Amino acid sequence: MAIKIFVTGGTFDKEYNELNGTLFFKETHLNEMLSLGRSRIDVHIATLMMIDSLDMIDTHRETIARQCASAPEEKIVITHGTDTMVETAQYLASRITGKTIVLTGAMIPYKFGSSDGLFNLGSALAFVQTLPNGIYVSMNGRYFQWDNVRKNKSAGEFEELK
């Protein structure tokens, strides 16, 4: 059973420019992370975009939805920025059925060394293999239904609504 991983950017894949102190995108760190985690899962990685989720609009979400719908894999992980991850999950839930899709990201860039990204990626890969069809968000070792999650910005973590 192969798993499709769609990369969309977000803090997960940001790099730090030491000269001017800005964050930027270069390329995804997924292959390095999977190697570091000693993953033995059959994955197919496709980079759809490399943007900050605050810059994501419905045109981007439509691209993600179209790619999910046309992917032969029934199990899909999407790396995504945390600020609008819930909005993308809601968008997908209204358009995709018959697949298990898990969105995940990071609060701290992977390249910082103290990132939660590796743990979140591993959790998302485990959840996508075991959860029934549906749309989920996976952060902090937990999974959430697409319609029962929010980012608690003051706590720096995701939580259930109810």
N, C-alpha and C. Protein backbone atom coordinates (compact mmCIF):
# COMPACT_ATOMS: atom_id res chain seq x y z
N MET A 1 0.84 -1.18 0.00
CA MET A 1 0.00 0.00 0.00
C MET A 1 0.90 1.25 0.00
N ALA A 2 0.91 1.94 -1.10
CA ALA A 2 1.69 3.18 -1.19
C ALA A 2 0.90 4.34 -0.60
N ILE A 3 1.63 5.28 -0.05
CA ILE A 3 1.04 6.50 0.49
C ILE A 3 1.54 7.67 -0.34
N LYS A 4 0.65 8.52 -0.74
CA LYS A 4 1.01 9.74 -1.46
C LYS A 4 1.26 10.84 -0.44
N ILE A 5 2.35 11.57 -0.61
CA ILE A 5 2.61 12.74 0.22
C ILE A 5 2.65 13.95 -0.70
N PHE A 6 1.75 14.89 -0.44
CA PHE A 6 1.74 16.15 -1.18
C PHE A 6 2.36 17.23 -0.30
N VAL A 7 3.33 17.93 -0.85
CA VAL A 7 4.02 19.01 -0.17
C VAL A 7 3.41 20.34 -0.62
N THR A 8 3.06 21.19 0.35
CA THR A 8 2.52 22.51 -0.02
C THR A 8 3.32 23.66 0.59
N GLY A 9 4.31 23.36 1.41
CA GLY A 9 5.13 24.41 2.01
C GLY A 9 4.88 24.52 3.50
N GLY A 10 4.72 25.72 3.98
CA GLY A 10 4.50 25.93 5.41
C GLY A 10 5.82 25.92 6.17
N THR A 11 5.72 26.14 7.46
CA THR A 11 6.90 26.18 8.33
C THR A 11 7.72 24.90 8.22
N PHE A 12 7.05 23.80 7.98
CA PHE A 12 7.67 22.50 7.79
C PHE A 12 8.94 22.58 6.93
N ASP A 13 8.84 23.28 5.81
CA ASP A 13 9.92 23.31 4.83
C ASP A 13 10.67 24.63 4.74
N LYS A 14 10.48 25.50 5.69
CA LYS A 14 11.18 26.78 5.62
C LYS A 14 12.66 26.64 6.00
N GLU A 15 13.46 27.51 5.40
CA GLU A 15 14.89 27.62 5.69
C GLU A 15 15.11 28.99 6.32
N TYR A 16 16.21 29.14 7.01
CA TYR A 16 16.54 30.41 7.67
C TYR A 16 17.71 31.07 6.95
N ASN A 17 17.54 32.33 6.56
CA ASN A 17 18.61 33.11 5.96
C ASN A 17 19.34 33.83 7.08
N GLU A 18 20.54 33.37 7.37
CA GLU A 18 21.32 33.93 8.48
C GLU A 18 21.76 35.37 8.21
N LEU A 19 21.81 35.77 6.96
CA LEU A 19 22.27 37.13 6.63
C LEU A 19 21.23 38.20 6.94
N ASN A 20 19.95 37.89 6.63
CA ASN A 20 18.93 38.91 6.87
C ASN A 20 17.85 38.48 7.86
N GLY A 21 17.95 37.27 8.39
CA GLY A 21 17.03 36.82 9.43
C GLY A 21 15.65 36.44 8.94
N THR A 22 15.50 36.21 7.64
CA THR A 22 14.19 35.85 7.10
C THR A 22 14.08 34.35 6.86
N LEU A 23 12.84 33.88 6.80
CA LEU A 23 12.57 32.49 6.45
C LEU A 23 12.19 32.44 4.97
N PHE A 24 12.60 31.37 4.29
CA PHE A 24 12.32 31.24 2.87
C PHE A 24 12.20 29.76 2.51
N PHE A 25 11.73 29.50 1.31
CA PHE A 25 11.61 28.13 0.80
C PHE A 25 12.69 27.85 -0.22
N LYS A 26 13.27 26.68 -0.15
CA LYS A 26 14.26 26.24 -1.12
C LYS A 26 13.76 24.95 -1.76
N GLU A 27 13.67 23.90 -0.95
CA GLU A 27 13.13 22.62 -1.40
C GLU A 27 12.60 21.86 -0.19
N THR A 28 11.82 20.85 -0.45
CA THR A 28 11.24 20.09 0.67
C THR A 28 12.32 19.28 1.39
N HIS A 29 12.09 19.06 2.66
CA HIS A 29 13.00 18.26 3.48
C HIS A 29 12.47 16.84 3.68
N LEU A 30 11.39 16.50 2.97
CA LEU A 30 10.71 15.22 3.19
C LEU A 30 11.63 14.01 3.05
N ASN A 31 12.41 13.94 1.99
CA ASN A 31 13.27 12.77 1.79
C ASN A 31 14.28 12.63 2.93
N GLU A 32 14.86 13.75 3.35
CA GLU A 32 15.80 13.73 4.48
C GLU A 32 15.11 13.29 5.76
N MET A 33 13.91 13.77 6.00
CA MET A 33 13.18 13.42 7.20
C MET A 33 12.81 11.93 7.22
N LEU A 34 12.36 11.44 6.08
CA LEU A 34 12.00 10.01 6.00
C LEU A 34 13.23 9.13 6.21
N SER A 35 14.36 9.55 5.68
CA SER A 35 15.61 8.81 5.88
C SER A 35 16.04 8.85 7.33
N LEU A 36 16.00 10.03 7.94
CA LEU A 36 16.37 10.18 9.34
C LEU A 36 15.46 9.34 10.25
N GLY A 37 14.19 9.28 9.91
CA GLY A 37 13.24 8.49 10.68
C GLY A 37 13.29 7.00 10.36
N ARG A 38 14.17 6.60 9.45
CA ARG A 38 14.34 5.20 9.02
C ARG A 38 13.02 4.61 8.54
N SER A 39 12.26 5.42 7.83
CA SER A 39 10.96 4.98 7.32
C SER A 39 11.12 3.88 6.29
N ARG A 40 10.29 2.88 6.39
CA ARG A 40 10.27 1.77 5.42
C ARG A 40 8.93 1.72 4.70
N ILE A 41 8.21 2.84 4.73
CA ILE A 41 6.90 2.93 4.09
C ILE A 41 7.10 3.31 2.63
N ASP A 42 6.32 2.68 1.75
CA ASP A 42 6.34 3.02 0.33
C ASP A 42 5.57 4.33 0.14
N VAL A 43 6.30 5.40 -0.15
CA VAL A 43 5.67 6.72 -0.34
C VAL A 43 6.02 7.27 -1.71
N HIS A 44 5.10 8.05 -2.24
CA HIS A 44 5.31 8.79 -3.48
C HIS A 44 5.12 10.27 -3.12
N ILE A 45 6.19 11.05 -3.27
CA ILE A 45 6.17 12.45 -2.87
C ILE A 45 6.00 13.34 -4.10
N ALA A 46 5.11 14.32 -3.98
CA ALA A 46 4.93 15.31 -5.05
C ALA A 46 4.83 16.69 -4.40
N THR A 47 5.64 17.61 -4.88
CA THR A 47 5.56 18.99 -4.41
C THR A 47 4.56 19.74 -5.26
N LEU A 48 3.49 20.20 -4.63
CA LEU A 48 2.45 20.95 -5.35
C LEU A 48 2.75 22.44 -5.35
N MET A 49 3.31 22.93 -4.25
CA MET A 49 3.63 24.34 -4.11
C MET A 49 4.52 24.48 -2.88
N MET A 50 5.18 25.59 -2.77
CA MET A 50 5.99 25.89 -1.58
C MET A 50 5.62 27.30 -1.16
N ILE A 51 4.55 27.41 -0.36
CA ILE A 51 4.07 28.72 0.08
C ILE A 51 3.75 28.70 1.57
N ASP A 52 3.73 29.87 2.14
CA ASP A 52 3.27 30.04 3.51
C ASP A 52 1.76 29.88 3.49
N SER A 53 1.20 29.18 4.44
CA SER A 53 -0.25 28.95 4.39
C SER A 53 -1.06 30.23 4.54
N LEU A 54 -0.48 31.28 5.08
CA LEU A 54 -1.20 32.56 5.14
C LEU A 54 -1.39 33.15 3.74
N ASP A 55 -0.58 32.70 2.79
CA ASP A 55 -0.71 33.14 1.40
C ASP A 55 -1.60 32.22 0.57
N MET A 56 -2.09 31.14 1.18
CA MET A 56 -2.89 30.17 0.46
C MET A 56 -4.31 30.71 0.24
N ILE A 57 -4.77 30.57 -0.99
CA ILE A 57 -6.13 30.97 -1.36
C ILE A 57 -6.85 29.75 -1.94
N ASP A 58 -8.14 29.90 -2.23
CA ASP A 58 -8.91 28.76 -2.71
C ASP A 58 -8.40 28.19 -4.03
N THR A 59 -7.73 28.97 -4.84
CA THR A 59 -7.13 28.44 -6.07
C THR A 59 -6.08 27.38 -5.72
N HIS A 60 -5.29 27.65 -4.68
CA HIS A 60 -4.31 26.67 -4.22
C HIS A 60 -5.02 25.43 -3.66
N ARG A 61 -6.07 25.67 -2.88
CA ARG A 61 -6.81 24.55 -2.29
C ARG A 61 -7.46 23.69 -3.38
N GLU A 62 -7.90 24.32 -4.44
CA GLU A 62 -8.48 23.57 -5.56
C GLU A 62 -7.43 22.68 -6.21
N THR A 63 -6.21 23.19 -6.34
CA THR A 63 -5.11 22.37 -6.86
C THR A 63 -4.88 21.16 -5.98
N ILE A 64 -4.85 21.38 -4.67
CA ILE A 64 -4.66 20.28 -3.73
C ILE A 64 -5.80 19.26 -3.86
N ALA A 65 -7.03 19.74 -3.89
CA ALA A 65 -8.19 18.85 -4.00
C ALA A 65 -8.16 18.05 -5.30
N ARG A 66 -7.82 18.71 -6.38
CA ARG A 66 -7.76 18.03 -7.68
C ARG A 66 -6.69 16.94 -7.67
N GLN A 67 -5.55 17.24 -7.09
CA GLN A 67 -4.47 16.26 -7.02
C GLN A 67 -4.85 15.07 -6.11
N CYS A 68 -5.51 15.36 -5.01
CA CYS A 68 -5.97 14.28 -4.12
C CYS A 68 -6.99 13.39 -4.83
N ALA A 69 -7.93 14.00 -5.52
CA ALA A 69 -8.97 13.24 -6.21
C ALA A 69 -8.40 12.36 -7.31
N SER A 70 -7.39 12.85 -8.01
CA SER A 70 -6.86 12.10 -9.14
C SER A 70 -5.74 11.14 -8.76
N ALA A 71 -5.24 11.22 -7.54
CA ALA A 71 -4.17 10.31 -7.10
C ALA A 71 -4.70 8.87 -7.02
N PRO A 72 -3.94 7.92 -7.53
CA PRO A 72 -4.38 6.52 -7.43
C PRO A 72 -4.33 6.00 -5.99
N GLU A 73 -3.50 6.62 -5.16
CA GLU A 73 -3.39 6.19 -3.76
C GLU A 73 -4.64 6.61 -2.98
N GLU A 74 -5.07 5.73 -2.09
CA GLU A 74 -6.22 6.04 -1.23
C GLU A 74 -5.78 6.66 0.10
N LYS A 75 -4.50 6.58 0.39
CA LYS A 75 -3.94 7.13 1.63
C LYS A 75 -3.04 8.30 1.25
N ILE A 76 -3.34 9.50 1.80
CA ILE A 76 -2.62 10.72 1.42
C ILE A 76 -2.26 11.52 2.66
N VAL A 77 -1.01 11.98 2.71
CA VAL A 77 -0.56 12.91 3.73
C VAL A 77 -0.23 14.22 3.01
N ILE A 78 -0.66 15.33 3.60
CA ILE A 78 -0.38 16.65 3.04
C ILE A 78 0.41 17.44 4.07
N THR A 79 1.61 17.89 3.70
CA THR A 79 2.34 18.80 4.58
C THR A 79 1.85 20.20 4.26
N HIS A 80 1.58 20.96 5.32
CA HIS A 80 0.84 22.22 5.15
C HIS A 80 1.23 23.17 6.28
N GLY A 81 1.17 24.45 6.03
CA GLY A 81 1.36 25.43 7.09
C GLY A 81 0.24 25.35 8.10
N THR A 82 0.57 25.61 9.35
CA THR A 82 -0.41 25.41 10.42
C THR A 82 -1.47 26.50 10.52
N ASP A 83 -1.17 27.70 9.99
CA ASP A 83 -2.12 28.81 10.16
C ASP A 83 -3.44 28.59 9.44
N THR A 84 -3.43 27.92 8.29
CA THR A 84 -4.68 27.70 7.55
C THR A 84 -4.92 26.23 7.23
N MET A 85 -4.28 25.36 7.98
CA MET A 85 -4.45 23.92 7.77
C MET A 85 -5.91 23.50 7.94
N VAL A 86 -6.57 24.03 8.93
CA VAL A 86 -7.96 23.67 9.19
C VAL A 86 -8.86 24.09 8.03
N GLU A 87 -8.62 25.27 7.47
CA GLU A 87 -9.41 25.74 6.33
C GLU A 87 -9.24 24.81 5.12
N THR A 88 -8.01 24.35 4.89
CA THR A 88 -7.78 23.42 3.77
C THR A 88 -8.45 22.08 4.05
N ALA A 89 -8.41 21.62 5.28
CA ALA A 89 -9.08 20.36 5.63
C ALA A 89 -10.58 20.49 5.37
N GLN A 90 -11.17 21.61 5.75
CA GLN A 90 -12.60 21.85 5.50
C GLN A 90 -12.90 21.87 4.01
N TYR A 91 -12.05 22.51 3.24
CA TYR A 91 -12.21 22.59 1.79
C TYR A 91 -12.19 21.19 1.18
N LEU A 92 -11.24 20.37 1.60
CA LEU A 92 -11.12 19.01 1.07
C LEU A 92 -12.31 18.15 1.47
N ALA A 93 -12.78 18.33 2.69
CA ALA A 93 -13.89 17.51 3.18
C ALA A 93 -15.15 17.70 2.35
N SER A 94 -15.31 18.87 1.77
CA SER A 94 -16.50 19.14 0.96
C SER A 94 -16.34 18.62 -0.48
N ARG A 95 -15.16 18.09 -0.81
CA ARG A 95 -14.90 17.71 -2.19
C ARG A 95 -14.35 16.30 -2.40
N ILE A 96 -13.80 15.70 -1.36
CA ILE A 96 -13.12 14.40 -1.50
C ILE A 96 -13.80 13.35 -0.63
N THR A 97 -14.10 12.22 -1.20
CA THR A 97 -14.61 11.07 -0.44
C THR A 97 -13.83 9.82 -0.87
N GLY A 98 -13.93 8.79 -0.07
CA GLY A 98 -13.33 7.51 -0.43
C GLY A 98 -11.83 7.44 -0.24
N LYS A 99 -11.24 8.40 0.47
CA LYS A 99 -9.81 8.40 0.74
C LYS A 99 -9.56 8.82 2.18
N THR A 100 -8.41 8.43 2.69
CA THR A 100 -7.96 8.89 4.00
C THR A 100 -6.89 9.95 3.76
N ILE A 101 -7.17 11.16 4.20
CA ILE A 101 -6.26 12.28 3.99
C ILE A 101 -5.92 12.89 5.34
N VAL A 102 -4.62 13.00 5.62
CA VAL A 102 -4.15 13.56 6.88
C VAL A 102 -3.25 14.76 6.57
N LEU A 103 -3.62 15.92 7.10
CA LEU A 103 -2.80 17.13 6.97
C LEU A 103 -1.94 17.27 8.21
N THR A 104 -0.68 17.63 8.01
CA THR A 104 0.22 17.83 9.13
C THR A 104 1.19 18.95 8.80
N GLY A 105 1.87 19.44 9.81
CA GLY A 105 2.82 20.52 9.62
C GLY A 105 3.76 20.62 10.80
N ALA A 106 4.30 21.81 10.99
CA ALA A 106 5.25 22.04 12.07
C ALA A 106 5.11 23.46 12.58
N MET A 107 5.33 23.64 13.85
CA MET A 107 5.35 24.98 14.44
C MET A 107 6.74 25.60 14.32
N ILE A 108 7.76 24.75 14.22
CA ILE A 108 9.15 25.19 14.13
C ILE A 108 9.75 24.54 12.88
N PRO A 109 10.46 25.30 12.03
CA PRO A 109 11.05 24.71 10.82
C PRO A 109 11.95 23.51 11.13
N TYR A 110 11.88 22.51 10.29
CA TYR A 110 12.69 21.29 10.44
C TYR A 110 14.17 21.64 10.54
N LYS A 111 14.63 22.58 9.75
CA LYS A 111 16.05 22.93 9.72
C LYS A 111 16.54 23.58 11.01
N PHE A 112 15.64 23.96 11.91
CA PHE A 112 16.07 24.54 13.18
C PHE A 112 16.62 23.48 14.13
N GLY A 113 16.36 22.21 13.85
CA GLY A 113 16.89 21.14 14.68
C GLY A 113 16.01 20.76 15.85
N SER A 114 15.22 21.69 16.35
CA SER A 114 14.33 21.40 17.48
C SER A 114 12.88 21.36 17.02
N SER A 115 12.69 21.04 15.75
CA SER A 115 11.35 21.07 15.15
C SER A 115 10.49 19.91 15.61
N ASP A 116 9.21 20.17 15.65
CA ASP A 116 8.22 19.13 15.89
C ASP A 116 7.85 18.41 14.58
N GLY A 117 8.41 18.86 13.47
CA GLY A 117 8.04 18.34 12.16
C GLY A 117 8.28 16.85 11.97
N LEU A 118 9.42 16.34 12.42
CA LEU A 118 9.71 14.92 12.25
C LEU A 118 8.70 14.06 13.00
N PHE A 119 8.39 14.46 14.22
CA PHE A 119 7.41 13.73 15.02
C PHE A 119 6.03 13.81 14.36
N ASN A 120 5.65 15.00 13.90
CA ASN A 120 4.34 15.16 13.27
C ASN A 120 4.23 14.36 11.98
N LEU A 121 5.30 14.32 11.20
CA LEU A 121 5.30 13.53 9.96
C LEU A 121 5.12 12.05 10.29
N GLY A 122 5.88 11.56 11.25
CA GLY A 122 5.75 10.15 11.64
C GLY A 122 4.36 9.81 12.14
N SER A 123 3.79 10.70 12.93
CA SER A 123 2.44 10.49 13.44
C SER A 123 1.43 10.46 12.29
N ALA A 124 1.56 11.41 11.36
CA ALA A 124 0.63 11.47 10.23
C ALA A 124 0.71 10.21 9.38
N LEU A 125 1.92 9.70 9.17
CA LEU A 125 2.08 8.46 8.39
C LEU A 125 1.44 7.27 9.10
N ALA A 126 1.55 7.22 10.41
CA ALA A 126 0.90 6.14 11.17
C ALA A 126 -0.61 6.28 11.11
N PHE A 127 -1.10 7.50 11.31
CA PHE A 127 -2.55 7.72 11.31
C PHE A 127 -3.16 7.44 9.93
N VAL A 128 -2.50 7.84 8.86
CA VAL A 128 -3.09 7.64 7.53
C VAL A 128 -3.23 6.15 7.21
N GLN A 129 -2.39 5.33 7.81
CA GLN A 129 -2.47 3.88 7.58
C GLN A 129 -3.56 3.20 8.40
N THR A 130 -3.99 3.84 9.46
CA THR A 130 -4.90 3.16 10.39
C THR A 130 -6.30 3.76 10.49
N LEU A 131 -6.45 5.02 10.13
CA LEU A 131 -7.76 5.67 10.24
C LEU A 131 -8.66 5.30 9.06
N PRO A 132 -9.98 5.31 9.28
CA PRO A 132 -10.90 5.08 8.17
C PRO A 132 -10.91 6.28 7.22
N ASN A 133 -11.52 6.10 6.08
CA ASN A 133 -11.61 7.20 5.11
C ASN A 133 -12.17 8.45 5.78
N GLY A 134 -11.60 9.58 5.42
CA GLY A 134 -12.02 10.86 5.97
C GLY A 134 -10.88 11.85 5.88
N ILE A 135 -11.13 13.05 6.36
CA ILE A 135 -10.15 14.13 6.35
C ILE A 135 -9.77 14.43 7.80
N TYR A 136 -8.46 14.47 8.07
CA TYR A 136 -7.97 14.63 9.43
C TYR A 136 -6.83 15.64 9.47
N VAL A 137 -6.60 16.20 10.66
CA VAL A 137 -5.43 17.01 10.96
C VAL A 137 -4.65 16.24 12.02
N SER A 138 -3.34 16.11 11.83
CA SER A 138 -2.50 15.43 12.80
C SER A 138 -1.39 16.37 13.25
N MET A 139 -1.41 16.68 14.54
CA MET A 139 -0.37 17.53 15.15
C MET A 139 -0.19 17.08 16.59
N ASN A 140 1.02 17.24 17.10
CA ASN A 140 1.31 16.99 18.52
C ASN A 140 1.00 15.55 18.94
N GLY A 141 1.14 14.58 18.01
CA GLY A 141 0.90 13.18 18.34
C GLY A 141 -0.57 12.80 18.39
N ARG A 142 -1.43 13.72 18.01
CA ARG A 142 -2.87 13.47 18.03
C ARG A 142 -3.44 13.62 16.63
N TYR A 143 -4.62 13.05 16.43
CA TYR A 143 -5.34 13.33 15.19
C TYR A 143 -6.69 13.92 15.56
N PHE A 144 -7.21 14.71 14.63
CA PHE A 144 -8.48 15.41 14.84
C PHE A 144 -9.32 15.28 13.58
N GLN A 145 -10.62 15.12 13.75
CA GLN A 145 -11.54 15.18 12.62
C GLN A 145 -11.49 16.61 12.06
N TRP A 146 -11.64 16.74 10.76
CA TRP A 146 -11.53 18.05 10.09
C TRP A 146 -12.49 19.10 10.67
N ASP A 147 -13.62 18.65 11.20
CA ASP A 147 -14.63 19.60 11.69
C ASP A 147 -14.63 19.75 13.21
N ASN A 148 -13.56 19.25 13.85
CA ASN A 148 -13.49 19.33 15.30
C ASN A 148 -12.07 19.68 15.74
N VAL A 149 -11.50 20.70 15.11
CA VAL A 149 -10.12 21.07 15.43
C VAL A 149 -9.91 22.56 15.20
N ARG A 150 -8.99 23.11 15.99
CA ARG A 150 -8.56 24.49 15.77
C ARG A 150 -7.12 24.61 16.26
N LYS A 151 -6.45 25.62 15.74
CA LYS A 151 -5.11 25.93 16.22
C LYS A 151 -5.26 26.93 17.36
N ASN A 152 -4.77 26.54 18.51
CA ASN A 152 -4.75 27.43 19.67
C ASN A 152 -3.43 28.19 19.62
N LYS A 153 -3.47 29.41 19.12
CA LYS A 153 -2.25 30.18 18.90
C LYS A 153 -1.56 30.55 20.21
N SER A 154 -2.29 30.76 21.26
CA SER A 154 -1.66 31.14 22.53
C SER A 154 -0.96 29.94 23.18
N ALA A 155 -1.49 28.74 22.99
CA ALA A 155 -0.86 27.53 23.54
C ALA A 155 0.16 26.93 22.57
N GLY A 156 0.07 27.31 21.28
CA GLY A 156 0.99 26.78 20.28
C GLY A 156 0.74 25.32 19.95
N GLU A 157 -0.55 24.93 19.99
CA GLU A 157 -0.88 23.54 19.65
C GLU A 157 -2.30 23.46 19.12
N PHE A 158 -2.62 22.30 18.58
CA PHE A 158 -3.98 22.08 18.05
C PHE A 158 -4.82 21.40 19.12
N GLU A 159 -6.13 21.68 19.08
CA GLU A 159 -7.02 21.13 20.08
C GLU A 159 -8.40 20.89 19.47
N GLU A 160 -9.18 20.05 20.16
CA GLU A 160 -10.56 19.80 19.74
C GLU A 160 -11.41 21.03 20.06
N LEU A 161 -12.44 21.21 19.24
CA LEU A 161 -13.40 22.29 19.49
C LEU A 161 -14.33 21.93 20.63
N LYS A 162 -14.74 20.66 20.69
CA LYS A 162 -15.72 20.24 21.69
C LYS A 162 -15.16 19.14 22.54
